[in-house]
């Protein structure tokens, strides 16, 4: 699946989850997906907990997060 096709799976709508990016057609935020993976949740575990998401949805959330961070400026304290 192309990058553009993956990113179309993520939507930002001020009426859904206060405008946080979510997987299209759900209220599952990119933030939640990334955090769960950071704590060791597998793709398979996510799909058991949220049977309405696909592997491509999870990949889309990770790609969206990576693309968002690519535009961040980091300054040493």
PDB file of N, CA and C in Angstrom:
ATOM      1  N   UNK A   1       0.849  -1.175   0.000  1.00  0.00           N
ATOM      2  CA  UNK A   1       0.000   0.000   0.000  1.00  0.00           C
ATOM      3  C   UNK A   1       0.896   1.240   0.000  1.00  0.00           C
ATOM      4  N   UNK A   2       0.487   2.239  -0.753  1.00  0.00           N
ATOM      5  CA  UNK A   2       1.297   3.445  -0.870  1.00  0.00           C
ATOM      6  C   UNK A   2       1.170   4.310   0.383  1.00  0.00           C
ATOM      7  N   UNK A   3       2.138   5.194   0.535  1.00  0.00           N
ATOM      8  CA  UNK A   3       2.120   6.130   1.663  1.00  0.00           C
ATOM      9  C   UNK A   3       0.844   6.957   1.647  1.00  0.00           C
ATOM     10  N   UNK A   4       0.485   7.451   0.490  1.00  0.00           N
ATOM     11  CA  UNK A   4      -0.708   8.286   0.373  1.00  0.00           C
ATOM     12  C   UNK A   4      -1.968   7.497   0.751  1.00  0.00           C
ATOM     13  N   UNK A   5      -2.054   6.263   0.319  1.00  0.00           N
ATOM     14  CA  UNK A   5      -3.221   5.426   0.652  1.00  0.00           C
ATOM     15  C   UNK A   5      -3.289   5.170   2.155  1.00  0.00           C
ATOM     16  N   UNK A   6      -2.142   4.935   2.773  1.00  0.00           N
ATOM     17  CA  UNK A   6      -2.128   4.722   4.222  1.00  0.00           C
ATOM     18  C   UNK A   6      -2.586   5.979   4.948  1.00  0.00           C
ATOM     19  N   UNK A   7      -2.066   7.128   4.544  1.00  0.00           N
ATOM     20  CA  UNK A   7      -2.400   8.370   5.244  1.00  0.00           C
ATOM     21  C   UNK A   7      -3.876   8.753   5.086  1.00  0.00           C
ATOM     22  N   UNK A   8      -4.531   8.276   4.040  1.00  0.00           N
ATOM     23  CA  UNK A   8      -5.965   8.537   3.871  1.00  0.00           C
ATOM     24  C   UNK A   8      -6.801   7.802   4.918  1.00  0.00           C
ATOM     25  N   UNK A   9      -6.197   6.837   5.605  1.00  0.00           N
ATOM     26  CA  UNK A   9      -6.898   6.092   6.650  1.00  0.00           C
ATOM     27  C   UNK A   9      -6.988   6.890   7.947  1.00  0.00           C
ATOM     28  N   UNK A  10      -6.251   7.992   8.028  1.00  0.00           N
ATOM     29  CA  UNK A  10      -6.248   8.833   9.226  1.00  0.00           C
ATOM     30  C   UNK A  10      -7.010  10.119   8.914  1.00  0.00           C
ATOM     31  N   UNK A  11      -7.905  10.489   9.819  1.00  0.00           N
ATOM     32  CA  UNK A  11      -8.680  11.716   9.623  1.00  0.00           C
ATOM     33  C   UNK A  11      -8.589  12.600  10.860  1.00  0.00           C
ATOM     34  N   UNK A  12      -8.721  13.894  10.620  1.00  0.00           N
ATOM     35  CA  UNK A  12      -8.758  14.881  11.698  1.00  0.00           C
ATOM     36  C   UNK A  12     -10.059  15.665  11.508  1.00  0.00           C
ATOM     37  N   UNK A  13     -10.918  15.563  12.513  1.00  0.00           N
ATOM     38  CA  UNK A  13     -12.216  16.230  12.460  1.00  0.00           C
ATOM     39  C   UNK A  13     -12.474  16.819  13.840  1.00  0.00           C
ATOM     40  N   UNK A  14     -12.686  18.123  13.926  1.00  0.00           N
ATOM     41  CA  UNK A  14     -12.884  18.747  15.238  1.00  0.00           C
ATOM     42  C   UNK A  14     -14.075  18.178  16.012  1.00  0.00           C
ATOM     43  N   UNK A  15     -14.989  17.516  15.322  1.00  0.00           N
ATOM     44  CA  UNK A  15     -16.160  16.932  15.982  1.00  0.00           C
ATOM     45  C   UNK A  15     -15.906  15.521  16.513  1.00  0.00           C
ATOM     46  N   UNK A  16     -14.740  14.960  16.212  1.00  0.00           N
ATOM     47  CA  UNK A  16     -14.411  13.605  16.662  1.00  0.00           C
ATOM     48  C   UNK A  16     -13.173  13.667  17.540  1.00  0.00           C
ATOM     49  N   UNK A  17     -13.298  13.224  18.771  1.00  0.00           N
ATOM     50  CA  UNK A  17     -12.181  13.167  19.722  1.00  0.00           C
ATOM     51  C   UNK A  17     -11.438  14.507  19.821  1.00  0.00           C
ATOM     52  N   UNK A  18     -12.203  15.576  19.817  1.00  0.00           N
ATOM     53  CA  UNK A  18     -11.663  16.939  19.954  1.00  0.00           C
ATOM     54  C   UNK A  18     -10.635  17.282  18.883  1.00  0.00           C
ATOM     55  N   UNK A  19     -10.761  16.672  17.717  1.00  0.00           N
ATOM     56  CA  UNK A  19      -9.871  16.989  16.606  1.00  0.00           C
ATOM     57  C   UNK A  19      -8.565  16.218  16.579  1.00  0.00           C
ATOM     58  N   UNK A  20      -8.419  15.246  17.480  1.00  0.00           N
ATOM     59  CA  UNK A  20      -7.208  14.424  17.428  1.00  0.00           C
ATOM     60  C   UNK A  20      -7.287  13.517  16.204  1.00  0.00           C
ATOM     61  N   UNK A  21      -6.140  13.186  15.609  1.00  0.00           N
ATOM     62  CA  UNK A  21      -6.161  12.277  14.473  1.00  0.00           C
ATOM     63  C   UNK A  21      -6.651  10.890  14.907  1.00  0.00           C
ATOM     64  N   UNK A  22      -7.572  10.337  14.126  1.00  0.00           N
ATOM     65  CA  UNK A  22      -8.146   9.021  14.420  1.00  0.00           C
ATOM     66  C   UNK A  22      -8.114   8.157  13.172  1.00  0.00           C
ATOM     67  N   UNK A  23      -8.244   6.860  13.387  1.00  0.00           N
ATOM     68  CA  UNK A  23      -8.393   5.943  12.268  1.00  0.00           C
ATOM     69  C   UNK A  23      -9.790   6.172  11.677  1.00  0.00           C
ATOM     70  N   UNK A  24      -9.847   6.352  10.373  1.00  0.00           N
ATOM     71  CA  UNK A  24     -11.095   6.671   9.671  1.00  0.00           C
ATOM     72  C   UNK A  24     -12.220   5.718  10.080  1.00  0.00           C
ATOM     73  N   UNK A  25     -13.367   6.309  10.372  1.00  0.00           N
ATOM     74  CA  UNK A  25     -14.546   5.527  10.713  1.00  0.00           C
ATOM     75  C   UNK A  25     -14.582   5.037  12.151  1.00  0.00           C
ATOM     76  N   UNK A  26     -13.608   5.488  12.968  1.00  0.00           N
ATOM     77  CA  UNK A  26     -13.539   5.059  14.367  1.00  0.00           C
ATOM     78  C   UNK A  26     -13.300   6.277  15.258  1.00  0.00           C
ATOM     79  N   UNK A  27     -13.245   6.010  16.536  1.00  0.00           N
ATOM     80  CA  UNK A  27     -12.842   7.028  17.512  1.00  0.00           C
ATOM     81  C   UNK A  27     -11.496   6.625  18.145  1.00  0.00           C
ATOM     82  N   UNK A  28     -10.804   5.720  17.501  1.00  0.00           N
ATOM     83  CA  UNK A  28      -9.512   5.243  17.988  1.00  0.00           C
ATOM     84  C   UNK A  28      -8.421   6.200  17.505  1.00  0.00           C
ATOM     85  N   UNK A  29      -7.763   6.862  18.466  1.00  0.00           N
ATOM     86  CA  UNK A  29      -6.774   7.886  18.107  1.00  0.00           C
ATOM     87  C   UNK A  29      -5.428   7.282  17.730  1.00  0.00           C
ATOM     88  N   UNK A  30      -4.725   8.018  16.888  1.00  0.00           N
ATOM     89  CA  UNK A  30      -3.354   7.661  16.534  1.00  0.00           C
ATOM     90  C   UNK A  30      -2.514   7.600  17.803  1.00  0.00           C
ATOM     91  N   UNK A  31      -2.722   8.546  18.679  1.00  0.00           N
ATOM     92  CA  UNK A  31      -1.989   8.604  19.949  1.00  0.00           C
ATOM     93  C   UNK A  31      -2.128   7.292  20.725  1.00  0.00           C
ATOM     94  N   UNK A  32      -3.340   6.778  20.829  1.00  0.00           N
ATOM     95  CA  UNK A  32      -3.586   5.543  21.580  1.00  0.00           C
ATOM     96  C   UNK A  32      -2.866   4.357  20.936  1.00  0.00           C
ATOM     97  N   UNK A  33      -2.944   4.271  19.625  1.00  0.00           N
ATOM     98  CA  UNK A  33      -2.294   3.170  18.913  1.00  0.00           C
ATOM     99  C   UNK A  33      -0.786   3.205  19.138  1.00  0.00           C
ATOM    100  N   UNK A  34      -0.190   4.374  18.961  1.00  0.00           N
ATOM    101  CA  UNK A  34       1.264   4.506  19.116  1.00  0.00           C
ATOM    102  C   UNK A  34       1.679   4.209  20.555  1.00  0.00           C
ATOM    103  N   UNK A  35       0.932   4.715  21.517  1.00  0.00           N
ATOM    104  CA  UNK A  35       1.268   4.481  22.915  1.00  0.00           C
ATOM    105  C   UNK A  35       1.186   3.000  23.265  1.00  0.00           C
ATOM    106  N   UNK A  36       0.147   2.329  22.802  1.00  0.00           N
ATOM    107  CA  UNK A  36       0.018   0.898  23.091  1.00  0.00           C
ATOM    108  C   UNK A  36       1.179   0.109  22.493  1.00  0.00           C
ATOM    109  N   UNK A  37       1.580   0.456  21.282  1.00  0.00           N
ATOM    110  CA  UNK A  37       2.720  -0.226  20.664  1.00  0.00           C
ATOM    111  C   UNK A  37       3.997   0.068  21.439  1.00  0.00           C
ATOM    112  N   UNK A  38       4.158   1.294  21.908  1.00  0.00           N
ATOM    113  CA  UNK A  38       5.340   1.656  22.701  1.00  0.00           C
ATOM    114  C   UNK A  38       5.439   0.817  23.969  1.00  0.00           C
ATOM    115  N   UNK A  39       4.293   0.454  24.544  1.00  0.00           N
ATOM    116  CA  UNK A  39       4.289  -0.353  25.764  1.00  0.00           C
ATOM    117  C   UNK A  39       4.327  -1.846  25.481  1.00  0.00           C
ATOM    118  N   UNK A  40       4.482  -2.221  24.205  1.00  0.00           N
ATOM    119  CA  UNK A  40       4.688  -3.632  23.885  1.00  0.00           C
ATOM    120  C   UNK A  40       3.496  -4.371  23.310  1.00  0.00           C
ATOM    121  N   UNK A  41       2.400  -3.678  23.106  1.00  0.00           N
ATOM    122  CA  UNK A  41       1.237  -4.326  22.505  1.00  0.00           C
ATOM    123  C   UNK A  41       1.561  -4.671  21.054  1.00  0.00           C
ATOM    124  N   UNK A  42       1.242  -5.875  20.640  1.00  0.00           N
ATOM    125  CA  UNK A  42       1.498  -6.298  19.265  1.00  0.00           C
ATOM    126  C   UNK A  42       0.338  -5.887  18.362  1.00  0.00           C
ATOM    127  N   UNK A  43       0.582  -5.932  17.073  1.00  0.00           N
ATOM    128  CA  UNK A  43      -0.493  -5.665  16.119  1.00  0.00           C
ATOM    129  C   UNK A  43      -1.656  -6.619  16.383  1.00  0.00           C
ATOM    130  N   UNK A  44      -1.326  -7.883  16.615  1.00  0.00           N
ATOM    131  CA  UNK A  44      -2.353  -8.897  16.847  1.00  0.00           C
ATOM    132  C   UNK A  44      -3.178  -8.581  18.097  1.00  0.00           C
ATOM    133  N   UNK A  45      -2.507  -8.148  19.159  1.00  0.00           N
ATOM    134  CA  UNK A  45      -3.219  -7.782  20.391  1.00  0.00           C
ATOM    135  C   UNK A  45      -4.140  -6.589  20.150  1.00  0.00           C
ATOM    136  N   UNK A  46      -3.656  -5.604  19.401  1.00  0.00           N
ATOM    137  CA  UNK A  46      -4.489  -4.447  19.086  1.00  0.00           C
ATOM    138  C   UNK A  46      -5.742  -4.883  18.330  1.00  0.00           C
ATOM    139  N   UNK A  47      -5.567  -5.805  17.396  1.00  0.00           N
ATOM    140  CA  UNK A  47      -6.699  -6.257  16.605  1.00  0.00           C
ATOM    141  C   UNK A  47      -7.671  -7.120  17.419  1.00  0.00           C
ATOM    142  N   UNK A  48      -7.175  -7.766  18.450  1.00  0.00           N
ATOM    143  CA  UNK A  48      -8.079  -8.490  19.348  1.00  0.00           C
ATOM    144  C   UNK A  48      -8.879  -7.508  20.195  1.00  0.00           C
ATOM    145  N   UNK A  49      -8.198  -6.459  20.684  1.00  0.00           N
ATOM    146  CA  UNK A  49      -8.866  -5.450  21.510  1.00  0.00           C
ATOM    147  C   UNK A  49      -9.794  -4.554  20.691  1.00  0.00           C
ATOM    148  N   UNK A  50      -9.425  -4.304  19.455  1.00  0.00           N
ATOM    149  CA  UNK A  50     -10.185  -3.428  18.560  1.00  0.00           C
ATOM    150  C   UNK A  50     -10.393  -4.162  17.234  1.00  0.00           C
ATOM    151  N   UNK A  51     -11.324  -5.104  17.190  1.00  0.00           N
ATOM    152  CA  UNK A  51     -11.468  -5.969  16.003  1.00  0.00           C
ATOM    153  C   UNK A  51     -11.858  -5.227  14.722  1.00  0.00           C
ATOM    154  N   UNK A  52     -12.217  -3.971  14.832  1.00  0.00           N
ATOM    155  CA  UNK A  52     -12.616  -3.193  13.663  1.00  0.00           C
ATOM    156  C   UNK A  52     -11.426  -2.571  12.931  1.00  0.00           C
ATOM    157  N   UNK A  53     -10.199  -2.706  13.473  1.00  0.00           N
ATOM    158  CA  UNK A  53      -9.044  -2.123  12.783  1.00  0.00           C
ATOM    159  C   UNK A  53      -8.257  -3.207  12.053  1.00  0.00           C
ATOM    160  N   UNK A  54      -7.569  -2.769  11.021  1.00  0.00           N
ATOM    161  CA  UNK A  54      -6.756  -3.675  10.211  1.00  0.00           C
ATOM    162  C   UNK A  54      -5.274  -3.401  10.448  1.00  0.00           C
ATOM    163  N   UNK A  55      -4.463  -4.284   9.930  1.00  0.00           N
ATOM    164  CA  UNK A  55      -3.015  -4.071  10.002  1.00  0.00           C
ATOM    165  C   UNK A  55      -2.644  -2.774   9.297  1.00  0.00           C
ATOM    166  N   UNK A  56      -3.275  -2.501   8.177  1.00  0.00           N
ATOM    167  CA  UNK A  56      -2.986  -1.245   7.465  1.00  0.00           C
ATOM    168  C   UNK A  56      -3.407  -0.027   8.275  1.00  0.00           C
ATOM    169  N   UNK A  57      -4.476  -0.129   9.062  1.00  0.00           N
ATOM    170  CA  UNK A  57      -4.864   0.980   9.945  1.00  0.00           C
ATOM    171  C   UNK A  57      -3.762   1.264  10.960  1.00  0.00           C
ATOM    172  N   UNK A  58      -3.198   0.214  11.530  1.00  0.00           N
ATOM    173  CA  UNK A  58      -2.125   0.371  12.523  1.00  0.00           C
ATOM    174  C   UNK A  58      -0.895   0.982  11.864  1.00  0.00           C
ATOM    175  N   UNK A  59      -0.550   0.476  10.695  1.00  0.00           N
ATOM    176  CA  UNK A  59       0.587   1.036   9.966  1.00  0.00           C
ATOM    177  C   UNK A  59       0.342   2.500   9.624  1.00  0.00           C
ATOM    178  N   UNK A  60      -0.875   2.823   9.269  1.00  0.00           N
ATOM    179  CA  UNK A  60      -1.218   4.209   8.942  1.00  0.00           C
ATOM    180  C   UNK A  60      -1.024   5.107  10.157  1.00  0.00           C
ATOM    181  N   UNK A  61      -1.428   4.636  11.326  1.00  0.00           N
ATOM    182  CA  UNK A  61      -1.256   5.422  12.552  1.00  0.00           C
ATOM    183  C   UNK A  61       0.227   5.666  12.830  1.00  0.00           C
ATOM    184  N   UNK A  62       1.032   4.653  12.663  1.00  0.00           N
ATOM    185  CA  UNK A  62       2.474   4.805  12.891  1.00  0.00           C
ATOM    186  C   UNK A  62       3.094   5.754  11.870  1.00  0.00           C
ATOM    187  N   UNK A  63       2.692   5.632  10.615  1.00  0.00           N
ATOM    188  CA  UNK A  63       3.214   6.515   9.577  1.00  0.00           C
ATOM    189  C   UNK A  63       2.800   7.957   9.833  1.00  0.00           C
ATOM    190  N   UNK A  64       1.542   8.156  10.222  1.00  0.00           N
ATOM    191  CA  UNK A  64       1.066   9.507  10.526  1.00  0.00           C
ATOM    192  C   UNK A  64       1.890  10.125  11.660  1.00  0.00           C
ATOM    193  N   UNK A  65       2.129   9.342  12.699  1.00  0.00           N
ATOM    194  CA  UNK A  65       2.925   9.835  13.833  1.00  0.00           C
ATOM    195  C   UNK A  65       4.342  10.189  13.385  1.00  0.00           C
ATOM    196  N   UNK A  66       4.940   9.335  12.573  1.00  0.00           N
ATOM    197  CA  UNK A  66       6.299   9.598  12.095  1.00  0.00           C
ATOM    198  C   UNK A  66       6.342  10.861  11.238  1.00  0.00           C
ATOM    199  N   UNK A  67       5.374  11.012  10.357  1.00  0.00           N
ATOM    200  CA  UNK A  67       5.327  12.204   9.499  1.00  0.00           C
ATOM    201  C   UNK A  67       5.101  13.465  10.328  1.00  0.00           C
ATOM    202  N   UNK A  68       4.294  13.363  11.356  1.00  0.00           N
ATOM    203  CA  UNK A  68       4.051  14.517  12.225  1.00  0.00           C
ATOM    204  C   UNK A  68       5.315  14.928  12.958  1.00  0.00           C
ATOM    205  N   UNK A  69       6.058  13.958  13.445  1.00  0.00           N
ATOM    206  CA  UNK A  69       7.291  14.248  14.181  1.00  0.00           C
ATOM    207  C   UNK A  69       8.397  14.762  13.265  1.00  0.00           C
ATOM    208  N   UNK A  70       8.340  14.418  12.019  1.00  0.00           N
ATOM    209  CA  UNK A  70       9.379  14.861  11.074  1.00  0.00           C
ATOM    210  C   UNK A  70       9.389  16.370  10.928  1.00  0.00           C
ATOM    211  N   UNK A  71       8.279  17.022  11.305  1.00  0.00           N
ATOM    212  CA  UNK A  71       8.188  18.467  11.179  1.00  0.00           C
ATOM    213  C   UNK A  71       8.429  19.199  12.491  1.00  0.00           C
ATOM    214  N   UNK A  72       8.816  18.471  13.517  1.00  0.00           N
ATOM    215  CA  UNK A  72       9.084  19.051  14.837  1.00  0.00           C
ATOM    216  C   UNK A  72      10.507  19.593  14.884  1.00  0.00           C
ATOM    217  N   UNK A  73      10.676  20.717  15.544  1.00  0.00           N
ATOM    218  CA  UNK A  73      12.003  21.246  15.819  1.00  0.00           C
ATOM    219  C   UNK A  73      12.370  20.880  17.247  1.00  0.00           C
ATOM    220  N   UNK A  74      13.534  20.301  17.422  1.00  0.00           N
ATOM    221  CA  UNK A  74      13.997  19.884  18.737  1.00  0.00           C
ATOM    222  C   UNK A  74      15.143  20.812  19.147  1.00  0.00           C
ATOM    223  N   UNK A  75      15.044  21.341  20.362  1.00  0.00           N
ATOM    224  CA  UNK A  75      16.088  22.233  20.882  1.00  0.00           C
ATOM    225  C   UNK A  75      16.646  21.646  22.165  1.00  0.00           C
ATOM    226  N   UNK A  76      17.969  21.609  22.257  1.00  0.00           N
ATOM    227  CA  UNK A  76      18.621  21.101  23.471  1.00  0.00           C
ATOM    228  C   UNK A  76      18.384  22.097  24.610  1.00  0.00           C
ATOM    229  N   UNK A  77      18.178  21.562  25.793  1.00  0.00           N
ATOM    230  CA  UNK A  77      17.932  22.427  26.962  1.00  0.00           C
ATOM    231  C   UNK A  77      19.229  22.923  27.537  1.00  0.00           C
TER     232      UNK A  77
END
